Amino acid sequence: MYIPPHFNEDRIEVLHDAIRNAGLATLATMTPDGMIASHLPLLLDPDRGPHGTLVGHLARANPQTKTTDTAVQAMVVFHGPDGYVSPSLYATKKLTDKVVPTWNYVAIHAYGTIEFFDDADRLLQVVTRLTEQHEAPRAEPWAVSDAPAEFVRTMLRAIVGVSIPIDRLEGKYKLSQNRPPADHAGIVSGLEAEGNAGLAAQVARALADKA
């Protein structure tokens, strides 16, 4: 990933938080016929390995589980908030018309050797943890144990587990750090007014860190 120095984020705790908050990930691997990608939620085990380990599952019928060349590193992409930034938000527009639009975003790339597994107990642990993580905000969380045990065992036979110890982690936080200080307040307030509070908060944090 091309990362200019002012957009680089390499603090592992920041990247781990972004991964936890991302929800859906894109898993890309190499096959004899070229690249293949799937979209799936992943768990992060932060203390397994120097950069953590990603864990999830794919449908057994997904060809990625059968054709992936596990000797070639897999790449997993996570996205944070993103959005269009209009030049009209810049205070410096009043001084010069030499301004252009841009797109602010957060992107994390994780690389590692992928392992597929189909051990039923291990798969049950993965789907239970994923369910607990995403049901947690609900007033009455659903649990895997709410479903009949035989039904769960049948569902587990239809999936394949994925484990990716992270060898390399990259973070690109393109959040207007290259804009002059005079523009900062206008970008944050403008994004909030346009309904993109998540991106506005990310920009505010990035600019505060820069300061």
N, C-alpha and C. Protein backbone atom coordinates (compact mmCIF):
# COMPACT_ATOMS: atom_id res chain seq x y z
N MET A 1 0.84 -1.18 0.00
CA MET A 1 0.00 0.00 0.00
C MET A 1 0.88 1.24 0.00
N TYR A 2 0.57 2.18 -0.87
CA TYR A 2 1.31 3.44 -0.92
C TYR A 2 0.89 4.29 0.27
N ILE A 3 1.86 4.64 1.12
CA ILE A 3 1.57 5.41 2.32
C ILE A 3 2.55 6.57 2.44
N PRO A 4 2.16 7.79 2.05
CA PRO A 4 3.02 8.95 2.31
C PRO A 4 3.27 9.08 3.82
N PRO A 5 4.42 9.61 4.22
CA PRO A 5 4.77 9.65 5.65
C PRO A 5 3.71 10.30 6.53
N HIS A 6 3.08 11.38 6.04
CA HIS A 6 2.12 12.07 6.92
C HIS A 6 0.82 11.30 7.11
N PHE A 7 0.60 10.22 6.33
CA PHE A 7 -0.60 9.39 6.49
C PHE A 7 -0.29 8.05 7.15
N ASN A 8 0.95 7.83 7.53
CA ASN A 8 1.34 6.52 8.07
C ASN A 8 0.90 6.37 9.53
N GLU A 9 0.31 5.23 9.83
CA GLU A 9 -0.05 4.89 11.22
C GLU A 9 0.54 3.52 11.51
N ASP A 10 1.50 3.46 12.44
CA ASP A 10 2.15 2.18 12.74
C ASP A 10 2.04 1.79 14.20
N ARG A 11 1.25 2.51 14.98
CA ARG A 11 1.06 2.13 16.38
C ARG A 11 0.13 0.92 16.43
N ILE A 12 0.65 -0.19 16.93
CA ILE A 12 -0.10 -1.44 16.84
C ILE A 12 -1.40 -1.38 17.62
N GLU A 13 -1.42 -0.64 18.75
CA GLU A 13 -2.67 -0.56 19.52
C GLU A 13 -3.75 0.20 18.75
N VAL A 14 -3.34 1.20 17.98
CA VAL A 14 -4.29 1.96 17.16
C VAL A 14 -4.83 1.08 16.03
N LEU A 15 -3.94 0.34 15.38
CA LEU A 15 -4.35 -0.53 14.29
C LEU A 15 -5.24 -1.67 14.79
N HIS A 16 -4.92 -2.21 15.94
CA HIS A 16 -5.75 -3.27 16.51
C HIS A 16 -7.15 -2.76 16.83
N ASP A 17 -7.25 -1.55 17.37
CA ASP A 17 -8.57 -0.97 17.66
C ASP A 17 -9.38 -0.81 16.37
N ALA A 18 -8.71 -0.36 15.31
CA ALA A 18 -9.41 -0.18 14.03
C ALA A 18 -9.89 -1.51 13.47
N ILE A 19 -9.07 -2.56 13.61
CA ILE A 19 -9.48 -3.89 13.16
C ILE A 19 -10.70 -4.37 13.92
N ARG A 20 -10.71 -4.17 15.23
CA ARG A 20 -11.86 -4.60 16.05
C ARG A 20 -13.13 -3.87 15.63
N ASN A 21 -12.99 -2.60 15.26
CA ASN A 21 -14.15 -1.78 14.93
C ASN A 21 -14.59 -1.90 13.48
N ALA A 22 -13.80 -2.57 12.66
CA ALA A 22 -14.06 -2.56 11.21
C ALA A 22 -15.28 -3.38 10.81
N GLY A 23 -15.57 -4.44 11.54
CA GLY A 23 -16.69 -5.29 11.15
C GLY A 23 -16.28 -6.25 10.05
N LEU A 24 -16.50 -5.85 8.80
CA LEU A 24 -16.23 -6.73 7.67
C LEU A 24 -14.80 -6.54 7.15
N ALA A 25 -14.17 -7.65 6.77
CA ALA A 25 -12.82 -7.62 6.19
C ALA A 25 -12.86 -8.23 4.80
N THR A 26 -11.85 -7.92 4.01
CA THR A 26 -11.67 -8.53 2.69
C THR A 26 -10.41 -9.39 2.74
N LEU A 27 -10.59 -10.68 2.48
CA LEU A 27 -9.48 -11.64 2.49
C LEU A 27 -9.11 -11.99 1.06
N ALA A 28 -7.88 -11.65 0.67
CA ALA A 28 -7.40 -11.93 -0.69
C ALA A 28 -6.26 -12.93 -0.64
N THR A 29 -6.36 -13.97 -1.48
CA THR A 29 -5.32 -14.99 -1.54
C THR A 29 -5.02 -15.32 -3.00
N MET A 30 -3.89 -15.98 -3.21
CA MET A 30 -3.47 -16.38 -4.55
C MET A 30 -3.89 -17.81 -4.83
N THR A 31 -4.36 -18.05 -6.06
CA THR A 31 -4.71 -19.39 -6.52
C THR A 31 -3.99 -19.64 -7.85
N PRO A 32 -4.01 -20.86 -8.36
CA PRO A 32 -3.40 -21.11 -9.67
C PRO A 32 -4.00 -20.28 -10.80
N ASP A 33 -5.24 -19.81 -10.60
CA ASP A 33 -5.90 -19.01 -11.63
C ASP A 33 -5.87 -17.52 -11.36
N GLY A 34 -5.09 -17.11 -10.35
CA GLY A 34 -5.01 -15.69 -10.01
C GLY A 34 -5.58 -15.42 -8.64
N MET A 35 -5.81 -14.14 -8.35
CA MET A 35 -6.28 -13.74 -7.03
C MET A 35 -7.76 -14.09 -6.85
N ILE A 36 -8.12 -14.37 -5.60
CA ILE A 36 -9.52 -14.57 -5.21
C ILE A 36 -9.72 -13.83 -3.89
N ALA A 37 -10.92 -13.29 -3.69
CA ALA A 37 -11.20 -12.53 -2.47
C ALA A 37 -12.56 -12.91 -1.92
N SER A 38 -12.66 -12.88 -0.60
CA SER A 38 -13.92 -13.09 0.10
C SER A 38 -14.08 -12.01 1.16
N HIS A 39 -15.32 -11.79 1.56
CA HIS A 39 -15.63 -10.75 2.55
C HIS A 39 -16.24 -11.42 3.77
N LEU A 40 -15.65 -11.16 4.93
CA LEU A 40 -16.05 -11.91 6.13
C LEU A 40 -15.67 -11.14 7.38
N PRO A 41 -16.41 -11.34 8.47
CA PRO A 41 -15.99 -10.78 9.76
C PRO A 41 -14.85 -11.62 10.32
N LEU A 42 -13.92 -10.98 11.00
CA LEU A 42 -12.79 -11.69 11.58
C LEU A 42 -12.59 -11.26 13.03
N LEU A 43 -12.15 -12.20 13.84
CA LEU A 43 -11.74 -11.91 15.21
C LEU A 43 -10.25 -11.60 15.24
N LEU A 44 -9.85 -10.77 16.18
CA LEU A 44 -8.44 -10.49 16.40
C LEU A 44 -8.03 -11.04 17.75
N ASP A 45 -7.02 -11.94 17.74
CA ASP A 45 -6.37 -12.38 18.97
C ASP A 45 -5.08 -11.58 19.09
N PRO A 46 -5.07 -10.48 19.84
CA PRO A 46 -3.94 -9.56 19.81
C PRO A 46 -2.64 -10.10 20.37
N ASP A 47 -2.72 -11.09 21.24
CA ASP A 47 -1.52 -11.59 21.92
C ASP A 47 -0.94 -12.85 21.28
N ARG A 48 -1.53 -13.32 20.20
CA ARG A 48 -0.99 -14.49 19.49
C ARG A 48 -0.08 -14.01 18.37
N GLY A 49 1.23 -13.99 18.64
CA GLY A 49 2.20 -13.52 17.66
C GLY A 49 2.53 -12.05 17.87
N PRO A 50 3.58 -11.56 17.22
CA PRO A 50 4.04 -10.18 17.43
C PRO A 50 3.05 -9.13 16.98
N HIS A 51 2.19 -9.45 16.00
CA HIS A 51 1.21 -8.49 15.50
C HIS A 51 -0.23 -8.96 15.69
N GLY A 52 -0.40 -10.09 16.37
CA GLY A 52 -1.73 -10.65 16.56
C GLY A 52 -2.07 -11.69 15.51
N THR A 53 -3.21 -12.34 15.66
CA THR A 53 -3.69 -13.36 14.74
C THR A 53 -5.16 -13.12 14.43
N LEU A 54 -5.52 -13.26 13.15
CA LEU A 54 -6.91 -13.10 12.71
C LEU A 54 -7.56 -14.48 12.59
N VAL A 55 -8.82 -14.58 13.01
CA VAL A 55 -9.52 -15.86 13.00
C VAL A 55 -10.94 -15.64 12.51
N GLY A 56 -11.42 -16.56 11.66
CA GLY A 56 -12.80 -16.50 11.18
C GLY A 56 -13.17 -17.78 10.46
N HIS A 57 -14.15 -17.68 9.55
CA HIS A 57 -14.53 -18.88 8.80
C HIS A 57 -15.13 -18.49 7.46
N LEU A 58 -15.05 -19.43 6.52
CA LEU A 58 -15.63 -19.30 5.18
C LEU A 58 -16.56 -20.48 4.93
N ALA A 59 -17.45 -20.31 3.98
CA ALA A 59 -18.29 -21.44 3.56
C ALA A 59 -17.41 -22.53 2.96
N ARG A 60 -17.69 -23.77 3.31
CA ARG A 60 -16.91 -24.88 2.76
C ARG A 60 -16.99 -24.91 1.24
N ALA A 61 -18.13 -24.47 0.68
CA ALA A 61 -18.30 -24.47 -0.78
C ALA A 61 -17.51 -23.37 -1.47
N ASN A 62 -16.97 -22.43 -0.71
CA ASN A 62 -16.19 -21.33 -1.29
C ASN A 62 -14.90 -21.90 -1.90
N PRO A 63 -14.64 -21.68 -3.19
CA PRO A 63 -13.43 -22.24 -3.80
C PRO A 63 -12.14 -21.71 -3.20
N GLN A 64 -12.21 -20.58 -2.51
CA GLN A 64 -11.00 -20.05 -1.88
C GLN A 64 -10.43 -21.01 -0.86
N THR A 65 -11.28 -21.82 -0.23
CA THR A 65 -10.80 -22.78 0.78
C THR A 65 -10.06 -23.95 0.15
N LYS A 66 -10.24 -24.16 -1.14
CA LYS A 66 -9.64 -25.32 -1.81
C LYS A 66 -8.50 -24.96 -2.74
N THR A 67 -8.54 -23.76 -3.32
CA THR A 67 -7.57 -23.41 -4.37
C THR A 67 -6.48 -22.46 -3.91
N THR A 68 -6.58 -21.92 -2.70
CA THR A 68 -5.57 -20.97 -2.21
C THR A 68 -4.19 -21.63 -2.11
N ASP A 69 -3.20 -20.91 -2.60
CA ASP A 69 -1.80 -21.34 -2.44
C ASP A 69 -1.33 -20.83 -1.07
N THR A 70 -1.28 -21.72 -0.11
CA THR A 70 -0.93 -21.31 1.25
C THR A 70 0.55 -20.98 1.41
N ALA A 71 1.33 -21.21 0.37
CA ALA A 71 2.74 -20.82 0.41
C ALA A 71 2.92 -19.34 0.11
N VAL A 72 1.87 -18.71 -0.42
CA VAL A 72 1.91 -17.27 -0.73
C VAL A 72 1.13 -16.54 0.35
N GLN A 73 1.69 -15.45 0.87
CA GLN A 73 1.02 -14.70 1.93
C GLN A 73 -0.37 -14.25 1.52
N ALA A 74 -1.30 -14.35 2.45
CA ALA A 74 -2.63 -13.78 2.27
C ALA A 74 -2.60 -12.31 2.67
N MET A 75 -3.53 -11.53 2.12
CA MET A 75 -3.69 -10.14 2.51
C MET A 75 -5.12 -9.92 2.98
N VAL A 76 -5.26 -9.26 4.13
CA VAL A 76 -6.58 -8.93 4.66
C VAL A 76 -6.69 -7.41 4.75
N VAL A 77 -7.78 -6.87 4.22
CA VAL A 77 -7.98 -5.42 4.19
C VAL A 77 -9.15 -5.06 5.10
N PHE A 78 -8.93 -4.08 5.97
CA PHE A 78 -9.96 -3.52 6.84
C PHE A 78 -10.13 -2.04 6.51
N HIS A 79 -11.37 -1.58 6.55
CA HIS A 79 -11.64 -0.16 6.31
C HIS A 79 -12.28 0.46 7.54
N GLY A 80 -11.88 1.70 7.80
CA GLY A 80 -12.54 2.50 8.82
C GLY A 80 -13.44 3.52 8.15
N PRO A 81 -13.78 4.61 8.86
CA PRO A 81 -14.63 5.64 8.26
C PRO A 81 -13.99 6.24 7.02
N ASP A 82 -14.82 6.66 6.07
CA ASP A 82 -14.30 7.32 4.87
C ASP A 82 -15.35 8.30 4.37
N GLY A 83 -14.91 9.18 3.49
CA GLY A 83 -15.86 10.13 2.91
C GLY A 83 -15.20 11.21 2.09
N TYR A 84 -16.03 11.85 1.29
CA TYR A 84 -15.61 12.95 0.41
C TYR A 84 -15.36 14.21 1.24
N VAL A 85 -14.32 14.94 0.88
CA VAL A 85 -14.00 16.22 1.52
C VAL A 85 -14.01 17.31 0.46
N SER A 86 -14.95 18.23 0.58
CA SER A 86 -15.10 19.31 -0.40
C SER A 86 -14.11 20.44 -0.12
N PRO A 87 -13.57 21.06 -1.17
CA PRO A 87 -12.71 22.22 -0.97
C PRO A 87 -13.42 23.37 -0.27
N SER A 88 -14.74 23.35 -0.31
CA SER A 88 -15.50 24.43 0.34
C SER A 88 -15.36 24.41 1.85
N LEU A 89 -14.85 23.30 2.42
CA LEU A 89 -14.64 23.22 3.86
C LEU A 89 -13.35 23.90 4.30
N TYR A 90 -12.49 24.23 3.35
CA TYR A 90 -11.18 24.80 3.68
C TYR A 90 -11.27 26.31 3.87
N ALA A 91 -10.75 26.79 5.00
CA ALA A 91 -10.67 28.23 5.21
C ALA A 91 -9.75 28.88 4.18
N THR A 92 -8.73 28.15 3.74
CA THR A 92 -7.77 28.71 2.78
C THR A 92 -8.39 28.93 1.40
N LYS A 93 -9.59 28.41 1.17
CA LYS A 93 -10.26 28.65 -0.11
C LYS A 93 -10.54 30.14 -0.29
N LYS A 94 -10.75 30.83 0.83
CA LYS A 94 -11.02 32.27 0.74
C LYS A 94 -9.79 33.06 0.32
N LEU A 95 -8.63 32.47 0.48
CA LEU A 95 -7.38 33.15 0.14
C LEU A 95 -6.92 32.82 -1.27
N THR A 96 -7.26 31.61 -1.72
CA THR A 96 -6.83 31.17 -3.05
C THR A 96 -7.81 30.13 -3.56
N ASP A 97 -7.96 30.07 -4.85
CA ASP A 97 -8.79 29.04 -5.44
C ASP A 97 -8.00 27.78 -5.77
N LYS A 98 -6.76 27.71 -5.32
CA LYS A 98 -5.92 26.56 -5.62
C LYS A 98 -6.15 25.45 -4.61
N VAL A 99 -7.37 24.93 -4.62
CA VAL A 99 -7.75 23.82 -3.75
C VAL A 99 -8.56 22.82 -4.57
N VAL A 100 -8.49 21.56 -4.18
CA VAL A 100 -9.19 20.50 -4.91
C VAL A 100 -9.86 19.56 -3.91
N PRO A 101 -10.86 18.80 -4.36
CA PRO A 101 -11.50 17.82 -3.47
C PRO A 101 -10.54 16.66 -3.16
N THR A 102 -10.90 15.90 -2.12
CA THR A 102 -10.15 14.69 -1.80
C THR A 102 -11.09 13.70 -1.13
N TRP A 103 -10.58 12.53 -0.84
CA TRP A 103 -11.34 11.50 -0.12
C TRP A 103 -10.52 11.08 1.08
N ASN A 104 -11.07 11.25 2.26
CA ASN A 104 -10.40 10.82 3.49
C ASN A 104 -10.83 9.41 3.85
N TYR A 105 -9.91 8.63 4.42
CA TYR A 105 -10.24 7.24 4.76
C TYR A 105 -9.22 6.64 5.70
N VAL A 106 -9.63 5.53 6.30
CA VAL A 106 -8.74 4.69 7.11
C VAL A 106 -8.69 3.32 6.46
N ALA A 107 -7.49 2.80 6.23
CA ALA A 107 -7.32 1.47 5.65
C ALA A 107 -6.18 0.75 6.35
N ILE A 108 -6.42 -0.51 6.67
CA ILE A 108 -5.39 -1.34 7.30
C ILE A 108 -5.20 -2.59 6.46
N HIS A 109 -3.94 -2.93 6.16
CA HIS A 109 -3.60 -4.16 5.46
C HIS A 109 -2.84 -5.07 6.42
N ALA A 110 -3.30 -6.30 6.54
CA ALA A 110 -2.60 -7.30 7.34
C ALA A 110 -2.16 -8.44 6.42
N TYR A 111 -0.93 -8.91 6.59
CA TYR A 111 -0.36 -9.95 5.75
C TYR A 111 0.09 -11.12 6.61
N GLY A 112 -0.14 -12.33 6.14
CA GLY A 112 0.32 -13.50 6.88
C GLY A 112 0.02 -14.79 6.14
N THR A 113 0.59 -15.88 6.65
CA THR A 113 0.38 -17.20 6.07
C THR A 113 -0.95 -17.77 6.57
N ILE A 114 -1.82 -18.11 5.65
CA ILE A 114 -3.16 -18.55 6.02
C ILE A 114 -3.19 -20.04 6.33
N GLU A 115 -3.99 -20.40 7.32
CA GLU A 115 -4.24 -21.80 7.67
C GLU A 115 -5.75 -22.04 7.62
N PHE A 116 -6.18 -23.11 6.97
CA PHE A 116 -7.57 -23.52 6.98
C PHE A 116 -7.71 -24.71 7.93
N PHE A 117 -8.82 -24.77 8.67
CA PHE A 117 -9.03 -25.88 9.60
C PHE A 117 -10.51 -26.24 9.64
N ASP A 118 -10.79 -27.51 10.01
CA ASP A 118 -12.18 -27.95 10.08
C ASP A 118 -12.48 -28.74 11.35
N ASP A 119 -11.64 -28.59 12.36
CA ASP A 119 -11.90 -29.23 13.65
C ASP A 119 -13.18 -28.65 14.25
N ALA A 120 -14.15 -29.50 14.58
CA ALA A 120 -15.47 -29.03 15.00
C ALA A 120 -15.41 -28.20 16.29
N ASP A 121 -14.60 -28.62 17.26
CA ASP A 121 -14.53 -27.87 18.51
C ASP A 121 -13.92 -26.49 18.29
N ARG A 122 -12.91 -26.44 17.46
CA ARG A 122 -12.27 -25.15 17.17
C ARG A 122 -13.22 -24.24 16.39
N LEU A 123 -13.96 -24.80 15.45
CA LEU A 123 -14.93 -24.01 14.70
C LEU A 123 -16.04 -23.50 15.62
N LEU A 124 -16.51 -24.32 16.53
CA LEU A 124 -17.55 -23.90 17.46
C LEU A 124 -17.06 -22.73 18.30
N GLN A 125 -15.81 -22.78 18.72
CA GLN A 125 -15.25 -21.68 19.50
C GLN A 125 -15.24 -20.38 18.68
N VAL A 126 -14.88 -20.49 17.39
CA VAL A 126 -14.83 -19.30 16.54
C VAL A 126 -16.22 -18.69 16.35
N VAL A 127 -17.19 -19.52 15.98
CA VAL A 127 -18.53 -18.97 15.73
C VAL A 127 -19.16 -18.46 17.03
N THR A 128 -18.84 -19.08 18.15
CA THR A 128 -19.35 -18.60 19.43
C THR A 128 -18.77 -17.23 19.76
N ARG A 129 -17.47 -17.08 19.58
CA ARG A 129 -16.84 -15.78 19.87
C ARG A 129 -17.34 -14.69 18.93
N LEU A 130 -17.47 -15.02 17.64
CA LEU A 130 -17.99 -14.02 16.69
C LEU A 130 -19.40 -13.60 17.07
N THR A 131 -20.23 -14.57 17.43
CA THR A 131 -21.60 -14.26 17.82
C THR A 131 -21.63 -13.39 19.07
N GLU A 132 -20.85 -13.74 20.06
CA GLU A 132 -20.83 -12.97 21.31
C GLU A 132 -20.37 -11.53 21.05
N GLN A 133 -19.38 -11.38 20.17
CA GLN A 133 -18.87 -10.04 19.89
C GLN A 133 -19.93 -9.16 19.23
N HIS A 134 -20.65 -9.72 18.27
CA HIS A 134 -21.58 -8.89 17.52
C HIS A 134 -22.98 -8.82 18.14
N GLU A 135 -23.29 -9.75 19.04
CA GLU A 135 -24.56 -9.69 19.75
C GLU A 135 -24.47 -8.84 21.02
N ALA A 136 -23.26 -8.54 21.47
CA ALA A 136 -23.06 -7.86 22.75
C ALA A 136 -23.88 -6.57 22.90
N PRO A 137 -24.01 -5.73 21.85
CA PRO A 137 -24.76 -4.48 22.05
C PRO A 137 -26.27 -4.67 22.17
N ARG A 138 -26.79 -5.82 21.84
CA ARG A 138 -28.23 -6.05 21.84
C ARG A 138 -28.76 -6.23 23.26
N ALA A 139 -29.98 -5.77 23.48
CA ALA A 139 -30.58 -5.87 24.81
C ALA A 139 -30.75 -7.33 25.22
N GLU A 140 -31.10 -8.19 24.28
CA GLU A 140 -31.26 -9.61 24.55
C GLU A 140 -30.42 -10.39 23.54
N PRO A 141 -29.13 -10.54 23.81
CA PRO A 141 -28.23 -11.19 22.84
C PRO A 141 -28.62 -12.63 22.54
N TRP A 142 -28.56 -12.96 21.25
CA TRP A 142 -28.75 -14.35 20.83
C TRP A 142 -27.44 -15.10 21.05
N ALA A 143 -27.51 -16.37 21.41
CA ALA A 143 -26.32 -17.19 21.63
C ALA A 143 -26.38 -18.43 20.75
N VAL A 144 -25.22 -18.92 20.38
CA VAL A 144 -25.16 -20.15 19.59
C VAL A 144 -25.88 -21.28 20.30
N SER A 145 -25.78 -21.31 21.61
CA SER A 145 -26.42 -22.37 22.39
C SER A 145 -27.94 -22.28 22.37
N ASP A 146 -28.50 -21.19 21.84
CA ASP A 146 -29.95 -21.09 21.71
C ASP A 146 -30.48 -22.01 20.60
N ALA A 147 -29.61 -22.37 19.66
CA ALA A 147 -30.01 -23.26 18.57
C ALA A 147 -29.82 -24.72 18.99
N PRO A 148 -30.60 -25.65 18.41
CA PRO A 148 -30.43 -27.06 18.76
C PRO A 148 -29.01 -27.54 18.45
N ALA A 149 -28.47 -28.35 19.34
CA ALA A 149 -27.07 -28.79 19.21
C ALA A 149 -26.82 -29.52 17.90
N GLU A 150 -27.73 -30.38 17.48
CA GLU A 150 -27.52 -31.13 16.24
C GLU A 150 -27.54 -30.19 15.04
N PHE A 151 -28.40 -29.17 15.08
CA PHE A 151 -28.44 -28.17 14.02
C PHE A 151 -27.11 -27.42 13.94
N VAL A 152 -26.57 -27.04 15.08
CA VAL A 152 -25.28 -26.34 15.11
C VAL A 152 -24.19 -27.23 14.52
N ARG A 153 -24.18 -28.51 14.89
CA ARG A 153 -23.17 -29.43 14.34
C ARG A 153 -23.29 -29.53 12.82
N THR A 154 -24.50 -29.52 12.31
CA THR A 154 -24.70 -29.56 10.86
C THR A 154 -24.16 -28.30 10.22
N MET A 155 -24.42 -27.15 10.82
CA MET A 155 -23.93 -25.88 10.28
C MET A 155 -22.40 -25.82 10.30
N LEU A 156 -21.80 -26.37 11.34
CA LEU A 156 -20.34 -26.36 11.43
C LEU A 156 -19.70 -27.18 10.31
N ARG A 157 -20.39 -28.23 9.87
CA ARG A 157 -19.84 -29.04 8.78
C ARG A 157 -19.86 -28.29 7.45
N ALA A 158 -20.58 -27.18 7.40
CA ALA A 158 -20.69 -26.41 6.17
C ALA A 158 -19.69 -25.26 6.09
N ILE A 159 -18.80 -25.15 7.08
CA ILE A 159 -17.83 -24.06 7.07
C ILE A 159 -16.42 -24.59 7.28
N VAL A 160 -15.44 -23.76 6.95
CA VAL A 160 -14.02 -24.04 7.15
C VAL A 160 -13.42 -22.87 7.91
N GLY A 161 -12.65 -23.17 8.93
CA GLY A 161 -12.02 -22.13 9.71
C GLY A 161 -10.82 -21.51 9.02
N VAL A 162 -10.52 -20.27 9.39
CA VAL A 162 -9.40 -19.52 8.83
C VAL A 162 -8.60 -18.93 9.99
N SER A 163 -7.29 -19.11 9.95
CA SER A 163 -6.40 -18.50 10.93
C SER A 163 -5.23 -17.86 10.20
N ILE A 164 -4.94 -16.60 10.52
CA ILE A 164 -3.86 -15.87 9.84
C ILE A 164 -3.01 -15.15 10.87
N PRO A 165 -1.89 -15.75 11.31
CA PRO A 165 -0.94 -15.00 12.14
C PRO A 165 -0.38 -13.83 11.32
N ILE A 166 -0.46 -12.63 11.88
CA ILE A 166 -0.07 -11.43 11.12
C ILE A 166 1.45 -11.27 11.15
N ASP A 167 2.05 -11.31 9.95
CA ASP A 167 3.49 -11.08 9.83
C ASP A 167 3.81 -9.61 9.64
N ARG A 168 2.88 -8.88 9.00
CA ARG A 168 3.12 -7.47 8.68
C ARG A 168 1.80 -6.73 8.73
N LEU A 169 1.83 -5.53 9.29
CA LEU A 169 0.63 -4.73 9.47
C LEU A 169 0.91 -3.31 8.99
N GLU A 170 0.05 -2.80 8.09
CA GLU A 170 0.19 -1.45 7.55
C GLU A 170 -1.08 -0.65 7.83
N GLY A 171 -0.91 0.60 8.17
CA GLY A 171 -2.07 1.46 8.38
C GLY A 171 -1.92 2.77 7.63
N LYS A 172 -2.94 3.10 6.84
CA LYS A 172 -2.97 4.39 6.16
C LYS A 172 -4.16 5.17 6.69
N TYR A 173 -3.86 6.29 7.37
CA TYR A 173 -4.89 7.16 7.92
C TYR A 173 -4.81 8.48 7.15
N LYS A 174 -5.53 8.52 6.04
CA LYS A 174 -5.53 9.72 5.19
C LYS A 174 -6.63 10.65 5.69
N LEU A 175 -6.27 11.56 6.58
CA LEU A 175 -7.26 12.32 7.34
C LEU A 175 -6.92 13.81 7.39
N SER A 176 -6.50 14.33 6.24
CA SER A 176 -6.25 15.77 6.08
C SER A 176 -5.05 16.28 6.87
N GLN A 177 -4.14 15.35 7.26
CA GLN A 177 -2.94 15.80 7.99
C GLN A 177 -2.06 16.70 7.12
N ASN A 178 -2.24 16.65 5.81
CA ASN A 178 -1.42 17.48 4.91
C ASN A 178 -2.01 18.86 4.70
N ARG A 179 -3.18 19.14 5.26
CA ARG A 179 -3.78 20.46 5.12
C ARG A 179 -3.21 21.41 6.17
N PRO A 180 -3.13 22.71 5.87
CA PRO A 180 -2.63 23.68 6.85
C PRO A 180 -3.58 23.79 8.04
N PRO A 181 -3.07 24.19 9.21
CA PRO A 181 -3.90 24.28 10.42
C PRO A 181 -5.15 25.12 10.25
N ALA A 182 -5.10 26.12 9.39
CA ALA A 182 -6.26 26.99 9.20
C ALA A 182 -7.47 26.23 8.67
N ASP A 183 -7.23 25.10 8.01
CA ASP A 183 -8.33 24.34 7.42
C ASP A 183 -8.94 23.30 8.35
N HIS A 184 -8.27 23.00 9.44
CA HIS A 184 -8.66 21.85 10.25
C HIS A 184 -10.06 21.95 10.82
N ALA A 185 -10.38 23.06 11.46
CA ALA A 185 -11.68 23.21 12.10
C ALA A 185 -12.81 23.09 11.09
N GLY A 186 -12.62 23.69 9.91
CA GLY A 186 -13.65 23.65 8.89
C GLY A 186 -13.90 22.25 8.36
N ILE A 187 -12.84 21.44 8.26
CA ILE A 187 -13.01 20.06 7.79
C ILE A 187 -13.82 19.25 8.79
N VAL A 188 -13.47 19.35 10.08
CA VAL A 188 -14.17 18.58 11.11
C VAL A 188 -15.63 19.01 11.22
N SER A 189 -15.87 20.32 11.33
CA SER A 189 -17.25 20.78 11.48
C SER A 189 -18.07 20.52 10.22
N GLY A 190 -17.43 20.63 9.05
CA GLY A 190 -18.13 20.38 7.80
C GLY A 190 -18.55 18.93 7.66
N LEU A 191 -17.66 18.01 8.02
CA LEU A 191 -18.02 16.58 7.96
C LEU A 191 -19.13 16.25 8.94
N GLU A 192 -19.09 16.85 10.12
CA GLU A 192 -20.17 16.63 11.10
C GLU A 192 -21.50 17.13 10.54
N ALA A 193 -21.49 18.33 9.94
CA ALA A 193 -22.72 18.91 9.40
C ALA A 193 -23.27 18.08 8.24
N GLU A 194 -22.38 17.41 7.52
CA GLU A 194 -22.81 16.58 6.39
C GLU A 194 -23.22 15.17 6.82
N GLY A 195 -23.21 14.92 8.12
CA GLY A 195 -23.69 13.64 8.63
C GLY A 195 -22.64 12.55 8.73
N ASN A 196 -21.37 12.89 8.56
CA ASN A 196 -20.31 11.88 8.64
C ASN A 196 -19.53 12.07 9.95
N ALA A 197 -20.24 11.84 11.07
CA ALA A 197 -19.63 12.07 12.38
C ALA A 197 -18.46 11.13 12.65
N GLY A 198 -18.55 9.89 12.13
CA GLY A 198 -17.46 8.94 12.35
C GLY A 198 -16.16 9.40 11.74
N LEU A 199 -16.22 9.87 10.50
CA LEU A 199 -15.02 10.39 9.84
C LEU A 199 -14.55 11.67 10.51
N ALA A 200 -15.49 12.54 10.89
CA ALA A 200 -15.12 13.79 11.56
C ALA A 200 -14.33 13.50 12.83
N ALA A 201 -14.76 12.50 13.60
CA ALA A 201 -14.06 12.16 14.83
C ALA A 201 -12.66 11.61 14.55
N GLN A 202 -12.54 10.80 13.50
CA GLN A 202 -11.22 10.27 13.12
C GLN A 202 -10.30 11.40 12.69
N VAL A 203 -10.81 12.33 11.89
CA VAL A 203 -10.00 13.46 11.45
C VAL A 203 -9.55 14.29 12.66
N ALA A 204 -10.47 14.57 13.57
CA ALA A 204 -10.14 15.37 14.75
C ALA A 204 -9.03 14.71 15.56
N ARG A 205 -9.10 13.38 15.74
CA ARG A 205 -8.05 12.67 16.49
C ARG A 205 -6.72 12.73 15.77
N ALA A 206 -6.74 12.52 14.45
CA ALA A 206 -5.50 12.52 13.67
C ALA A 206 -4.84 13.89 13.71
N LEU A 207 -5.63 14.94 13.60
CA LEU A 207 -5.08 16.29 13.61
C LEU A 207 -4.56 16.67 14.99
N ALA A 208 -5.24 16.17 16.03
CA ALA A 208 -4.75 16.41 17.39
C ALA A 208 -3.43 15.70 17.63
N ASP A 209 -3.31 14.47 17.12
CA ASP A 209 -2.06 13.74 17.24
C ASP A 209 -0.93 14.48 16.53
N LYS A 210 -1.25 15.04 15.36
CA LYS A 210 -0.24 15.75 14.58
C LYS A 210 0.23 16.99 15.34
N ALA A 211 -0.72 17.66 15.97
CA ALA A 211 -0.38 18.88 16.71
C ALA A 211 0.47 18.57 17.94
